[in-house]
């Protein structure tokens, strides 16, 4: 197996796609105009995940995965911290996406 095949982790690609979804989720889930702090958080977290996952696809490093795990945990917690619980579906999606991102990051680290 070549070095490139050894480095590729499908979790990074999936996290990149989840990061895009997180970044646009305020508009898709309908809270962009109502909760500016949650909107900004989703855009920043989504953008950071996209950048880190893209870098990790090219040059995997443990710090990038740990950063993705931390961002995923924050994204899940942000539903509680930033008042997203008013929007039940948005809160469930935010918590689920955040946990999925964190689990995929851990899986890439230890899988």
N, C-alpha and C. Protein backbone atom coordinates (compact mmCIF):
# COMPACT_ATOMS: atom_id res chain seq x y z
N UNK A 1 0.84 -1.19 0.00
CA UNK A 1 0.00 0.00 0.00
C UNK A 1 0.89 1.24 0.00
N UNK A 2 0.53 2.21 -0.81
CA UNK A 2 1.36 3.41 -0.90
C UNK A 2 1.13 4.32 0.31
N UNK A 3 2.04 5.28 0.46
CA UNK A 3 1.95 6.23 1.58
C UNK A 3 0.67 7.05 1.51
N UNK A 4 0.24 7.42 0.30
CA UNK A 4 -0.98 8.22 0.15
C UNK A 4 -2.19 7.44 0.63
N UNK A 5 -2.26 6.16 0.32
CA UNK A 5 -3.39 5.34 0.76
C UNK A 5 -3.39 5.16 2.27
N UNK A 6 -2.22 5.10 2.87
CA UNK A 6 -2.14 4.96 4.32
C UNK A 6 -2.62 6.21 5.03
N UNK A 7 -2.41 7.39 4.43
CA UNK A 7 -2.77 8.65 5.08
C UNK A 7 -4.25 8.98 4.94
N UNK A 8 -4.90 8.53 3.87
CA UNK A 8 -6.29 8.91 3.63
C UNK A 8 -7.20 8.34 4.71
N UNK A 9 -8.02 9.21 5.28
CA UNK A 9 -9.02 8.78 6.27
C UNK A 9 -10.36 9.34 5.82
N UNK A 10 -11.31 8.47 5.61
CA UNK A 10 -12.63 8.89 5.15
C UNK A 10 -13.30 9.80 6.16
N UNK A 11 -12.93 9.71 7.43
CA UNK A 11 -13.52 10.55 8.46
C UNK A 11 -13.25 12.03 8.18
N UNK A 12 -12.09 12.34 7.64
CA UNK A 12 -11.75 13.73 7.33
C UNK A 12 -12.66 14.29 6.24
N UNK A 13 -12.92 13.47 5.22
CA UNK A 13 -13.81 13.90 4.14
C UNK A 13 -15.23 14.12 4.66
N UNK A 14 -15.69 13.21 5.50
CA UNK A 14 -17.03 13.36 6.06
C UNK A 14 -17.11 14.58 6.97
N UNK A 15 -16.07 14.83 7.76
CA UNK A 15 -16.05 16.04 8.61
C UNK A 15 -16.03 17.31 7.77
N UNK A 16 -15.36 17.28 6.63
CA UNK A 16 -15.36 18.43 5.75
C UNK A 16 -16.79 18.72 5.28
N UNK A 17 -17.51 17.69 4.88
CA UNK A 17 -18.90 17.88 4.44
C UNK A 17 -19.80 18.33 5.58
N UNK A 18 -19.59 17.77 6.77
CA UNK A 18 -20.37 18.21 7.93
C UNK A 18 -20.06 19.67 8.27
N UNK A 19 -18.82 20.07 8.11
CA UNK A 19 -18.44 21.47 8.37
C UNK A 19 -19.19 22.42 7.44
N UNK A 20 -19.33 22.05 6.18
CA UNK A 20 -20.10 22.87 5.25
C UNK A 20 -21.55 22.96 5.72
N UNK A 21 -22.10 21.82 6.11
CA UNK A 21 -23.48 21.80 6.60
C UNK A 21 -23.67 22.65 7.84
N UNK A 22 -22.73 22.58 8.76
CA UNK A 22 -22.80 23.39 9.98
C UNK A 22 -22.77 24.87 9.63
N UNK A 23 -21.92 25.25 8.69
CA UNK A 23 -21.78 26.66 8.31
C UNK A 23 -23.05 27.26 7.72
N UNK A 24 -23.82 26.46 7.00
CA UNK A 24 -25.05 26.97 6.37
C UNK A 24 -26.31 26.61 7.17
N UNK A 25 -26.15 25.88 8.24
CA UNK A 25 -27.31 25.40 9.01
C UNK A 25 -28.21 26.50 9.57
N UNK A 26 -27.71 27.67 9.95
CA UNK A 26 -28.64 28.69 10.46
C UNK A 26 -29.72 29.06 9.45
N UNK A 27 -29.38 29.07 8.18
CA UNK A 27 -30.36 29.42 7.15
C UNK A 27 -31.24 28.21 6.81
N UNK A 28 -30.63 27.04 6.80
CA UNK A 28 -31.40 25.84 6.49
C UNK A 28 -32.41 25.50 7.60
N UNK A 29 -32.04 25.81 8.84
CA UNK A 29 -32.88 25.45 9.98
C UNK A 29 -33.72 26.62 10.49
N UNK A 30 -33.55 27.79 9.90
CA UNK A 30 -34.45 28.90 10.16
C UNK A 30 -34.21 29.74 11.41
N UNK A 31 -32.99 29.78 11.91
CA UNK A 31 -32.75 30.63 13.09
C UNK A 31 -31.74 31.75 12.83
N UNK A 32 -31.35 31.93 11.58
CA UNK A 32 -30.32 32.93 11.26
C UNK A 32 -30.73 34.34 11.66
N UNK A 33 -31.97 34.73 11.45
CA UNK A 33 -32.38 36.09 11.78
C UNK A 33 -32.76 36.28 13.23
N UNK A 34 -32.95 35.20 13.95
CA UNK A 34 -33.44 35.26 15.33
C UNK A 34 -32.33 35.15 16.38
N UNK A 35 -31.35 34.33 16.12
CA UNK A 35 -30.28 34.08 17.10
C UNK A 35 -28.91 34.40 16.48
N UNK A 36 -28.51 35.67 16.54
CA UNK A 36 -27.25 36.05 15.89
C UNK A 36 -26.02 35.36 16.49
N UNK A 37 -25.98 35.15 17.79
CA UNK A 37 -24.82 34.50 18.39
C UNK A 37 -24.68 33.05 17.91
N UNK A 38 -25.80 32.35 17.85
CA UNK A 38 -25.78 30.96 17.36
C UNK A 38 -25.43 30.92 15.88
N UNK A 39 -25.89 31.91 15.14
CA UNK A 39 -25.57 31.98 13.71
C UNK A 39 -24.08 32.18 13.50
N UNK A 40 -23.51 33.16 14.20
CA UNK A 40 -22.06 33.40 14.09
C UNK A 40 -21.26 32.18 14.53
N UNK A 41 -21.69 31.55 15.61
CA UNK A 41 -20.99 30.37 16.10
C UNK A 41 -20.99 29.28 15.04
N UNK A 42 -22.13 29.03 14.43
CA UNK A 42 -22.22 27.99 13.41
C UNK A 42 -21.35 28.32 12.20
N UNK A 43 -21.34 29.57 11.78
CA UNK A 43 -20.52 29.96 10.63
C UNK A 43 -19.03 29.80 10.94
N UNK A 44 -18.62 30.23 12.12
CA UNK A 44 -17.20 30.15 12.49
C UNK A 44 -16.77 28.70 12.69
N UNK A 45 -17.59 27.95 13.43
CA UNK A 45 -17.26 26.54 13.67
C UNK A 45 -17.25 25.77 12.36
N UNK A 46 -18.26 25.98 11.53
CA UNK A 46 -18.32 25.28 10.24
C UNK A 46 -17.11 25.61 9.37
N UNK A 47 -16.77 26.89 9.30
CA UNK A 47 -15.60 27.29 8.51
C UNK A 47 -14.31 26.70 9.04
N UNK A 48 -14.15 26.71 10.35
CA UNK A 48 -12.94 26.16 10.96
C UNK A 48 -12.84 24.65 10.70
N UNK A 49 -13.95 23.96 10.79
CA UNK A 49 -13.94 22.51 10.54
C UNK A 49 -13.58 22.23 9.09
N UNK A 50 -14.14 23.02 8.17
CA UNK A 50 -13.82 22.83 6.75
C UNK A 50 -12.32 23.02 6.52
N UNK A 51 -11.76 24.08 7.07
CA UNK A 51 -10.34 24.36 6.87
C UNK A 51 -9.48 23.25 7.49
N UNK A 52 -9.78 22.89 8.73
CA UNK A 52 -8.98 21.86 9.41
C UNK A 52 -9.11 20.50 8.73
N UNK A 53 -10.32 20.13 8.32
CA UNK A 53 -10.51 18.84 7.66
C UNK A 53 -9.79 18.82 6.31
N UNK A 54 -9.84 19.93 5.59
CA UNK A 54 -9.14 19.99 4.29
C UNK A 54 -7.63 19.86 4.48
N UNK A 55 -7.10 20.54 5.49
CA UNK A 55 -5.68 20.41 5.79
C UNK A 55 -5.36 18.99 6.21
N UNK A 56 -6.24 18.41 7.01
CA UNK A 56 -6.01 17.06 7.52
C UNK A 56 -6.07 16.01 6.41
N UNK A 57 -6.87 16.26 5.39
CA UNK A 57 -6.90 15.33 4.25
C UNK A 57 -5.55 15.31 3.56
N UNK A 58 -4.95 16.48 3.42
CA UNK A 58 -3.67 16.59 2.73
C UNK A 58 -2.48 16.18 3.60
N UNK A 59 -2.47 16.63 4.85
CA UNK A 59 -1.34 16.36 5.74
C UNK A 59 -1.87 16.08 7.15
N UNK A 60 -2.26 14.82 7.41
CA UNK A 60 -2.85 14.50 8.72
C UNK A 60 -1.92 14.80 9.89
N UNK A 61 -2.51 15.37 10.93
CA UNK A 61 -1.76 15.66 12.16
C UNK A 61 -2.72 15.53 13.34
N UNK A 62 -2.19 15.13 14.47
CA UNK A 62 -3.03 14.91 15.66
C UNK A 62 -3.66 16.21 16.15
N UNK A 63 -2.95 17.33 16.09
CA UNK A 63 -3.51 18.58 16.60
C UNK A 63 -4.74 18.99 15.82
N UNK A 64 -4.75 18.70 14.52
CA UNK A 64 -5.93 19.04 13.71
C UNK A 64 -7.13 18.23 14.14
N UNK A 65 -6.92 16.95 14.39
CA UNK A 65 -8.03 16.10 14.83
C UNK A 65 -8.54 16.54 16.21
N UNK A 66 -7.63 16.85 17.12
CA UNK A 66 -8.05 17.31 18.45
C UNK A 66 -8.81 18.63 18.35
N UNK A 67 -8.40 19.48 17.43
CA UNK A 67 -9.11 20.74 17.22
C UNK A 67 -10.52 20.48 16.69
N UNK A 68 -10.64 19.54 15.78
CA UNK A 68 -11.96 19.17 15.24
C UNK A 68 -12.83 18.58 16.33
N UNK A 69 -12.26 17.75 17.19
CA UNK A 69 -13.03 17.18 18.31
C UNK A 69 -13.53 18.31 19.21
N UNK A 70 -12.67 19.25 19.54
CA UNK A 70 -13.07 20.37 20.41
C UNK A 70 -14.17 21.20 19.75
N UNK A 71 -14.04 21.46 18.46
CA UNK A 71 -15.07 22.23 17.76
C UNK A 71 -16.40 21.48 17.73
N UNK A 72 -16.35 20.17 17.56
CA UNK A 72 -17.56 19.36 17.57
C UNK A 72 -18.25 19.40 18.93
N UNK A 73 -17.47 19.28 19.98
CA UNK A 73 -18.03 19.35 21.34
C UNK A 73 -18.64 20.72 21.58
N UNK A 74 -17.94 21.79 21.19
CA UNK A 74 -18.50 23.13 21.36
C UNK A 74 -19.79 23.29 20.56
N UNK A 75 -19.80 22.79 19.33
CA UNK A 75 -21.01 22.95 18.51
C UNK A 75 -22.20 22.26 19.18
N UNK A 76 -21.99 21.08 19.72
CA UNK A 76 -23.09 20.39 20.43
C UNK A 76 -23.51 21.19 21.66
N UNK A 77 -22.55 21.69 22.42
CA UNK A 77 -22.86 22.45 23.63
C UNK A 77 -23.49 23.80 23.32
N UNK A 78 -23.20 24.35 22.14
CA UNK A 78 -23.72 25.67 21.79
C UNK A 78 -25.24 25.69 21.71
N UNK A 79 -25.85 24.55 21.45
CA UNK A 79 -27.31 24.50 21.44
C UNK A 79 -27.87 24.90 22.80
N UNK A 80 -27.18 24.53 23.86
CA UNK A 80 -27.62 24.87 25.22
C UNK A 80 -27.16 26.27 25.61
N UNK A 81 -25.91 26.58 25.28
CA UNK A 81 -25.30 27.84 25.72
C UNK A 81 -25.88 29.06 24.99
N UNK A 82 -26.18 28.91 23.71
CA UNK A 82 -26.58 30.06 22.90
C UNK A 82 -28.09 30.14 22.65
N UNK A 83 -28.88 29.40 23.40
CA UNK A 83 -30.34 29.53 23.36
C UNK A 83 -31.02 28.88 22.18
N UNK A 84 -30.39 27.90 21.59
CA UNK A 84 -30.96 27.25 20.42
C UNK A 84 -32.08 26.27 20.77
N UNK A 85 -32.26 26.01 22.04
CA UNK A 85 -33.29 25.04 22.45
C UNK A 85 -34.71 25.51 22.12
N UNK A 86 -34.88 26.81 21.87
CA UNK A 86 -36.18 27.33 21.44
C UNK A 86 -36.61 26.69 20.12
N UNK A 87 -35.66 26.37 19.30
CA UNK A 87 -35.89 25.76 17.99
C UNK A 87 -35.53 24.28 18.10
N UNK A 88 -36.51 23.48 18.44
CA UNK A 88 -36.28 22.07 18.77
C UNK A 88 -35.50 21.31 17.68
N UNK A 89 -35.96 21.41 16.42
CA UNK A 89 -35.29 20.68 15.34
C UNK A 89 -33.86 21.19 15.16
N UNK A 90 -33.68 22.50 15.19
CA UNK A 90 -32.34 23.07 15.03
C UNK A 90 -31.42 22.61 16.16
N UNK A 91 -31.95 22.57 17.38
CA UNK A 91 -31.15 22.11 18.52
C UNK A 91 -30.75 20.65 18.36
N UNK A 92 -31.68 19.81 17.92
CA UNK A 92 -31.38 18.39 17.74
C UNK A 92 -30.33 18.19 16.65
N UNK A 93 -30.46 18.93 15.55
CA UNK A 93 -29.49 18.82 14.46
C UNK A 93 -28.13 19.33 14.92
N UNK A 94 -28.10 20.43 15.65
CA UNK A 94 -26.84 21.00 16.13
C UNK A 94 -26.13 20.04 17.07
N UNK A 95 -26.86 19.49 18.01
CA UNK A 95 -26.28 18.54 18.95
C UNK A 95 -25.79 17.30 18.21
N UNK A 96 -26.61 16.77 17.32
CA UNK A 96 -26.22 15.57 16.56
C UNK A 96 -25.01 15.80 15.68
N UNK A 97 -24.99 16.93 14.98
CA UNK A 97 -23.84 17.23 14.11
C UNK A 97 -22.57 17.42 14.92
N UNK A 98 -22.68 18.14 16.04
CA UNK A 98 -21.51 18.36 16.88
C UNK A 98 -20.94 17.06 17.42
N UNK A 99 -21.82 16.19 17.88
CA UNK A 99 -21.36 14.89 18.40
C UNK A 99 -20.78 14.03 17.29
N UNK A 100 -21.40 14.07 16.11
CA UNK A 100 -20.87 13.29 14.98
C UNK A 100 -19.48 13.78 14.59
N UNK A 101 -19.29 15.09 14.56
CA UNK A 101 -17.98 15.65 14.23
C UNK A 101 -16.93 15.22 15.25
N UNK A 102 -17.29 15.30 16.53
CA UNK A 102 -16.35 14.90 17.59
C UNK A 102 -16.02 13.41 17.51
N UNK A 103 -17.02 12.58 17.28
CA UNK A 103 -16.80 11.13 17.19
C UNK A 103 -15.92 10.80 15.99
N UNK A 104 -16.20 11.43 14.85
CA UNK A 104 -15.38 11.18 13.66
C UNK A 104 -13.93 11.62 13.88
N UNK A 105 -13.74 12.73 14.58
CA UNK A 105 -12.38 13.17 14.91
C UNK A 105 -11.66 12.17 15.78
N UNK A 106 -12.35 11.67 16.80
CA UNK A 106 -11.75 10.67 17.68
C UNK A 106 -11.47 9.37 16.92
N UNK A 107 -12.39 9.00 16.05
CA UNK A 107 -12.22 7.79 15.25
C UNK A 107 -10.98 7.90 14.37
N UNK A 108 -10.79 9.06 13.77
CA UNK A 108 -9.61 9.27 12.93
C UNK A 108 -8.33 9.21 13.76
N UNK A 109 -8.41 9.66 15.00
CA UNK A 109 -7.24 9.62 15.89
C UNK A 109 -6.89 8.21 16.32
N UNK A 110 -7.91 7.46 16.71
CA UNK A 110 -7.66 6.17 17.35
C UNK A 110 -8.14 4.96 16.56
N UNK A 111 -8.76 5.22 15.39
CA UNK A 111 -9.32 4.11 14.60
C UNK A 111 -8.33 3.45 13.71
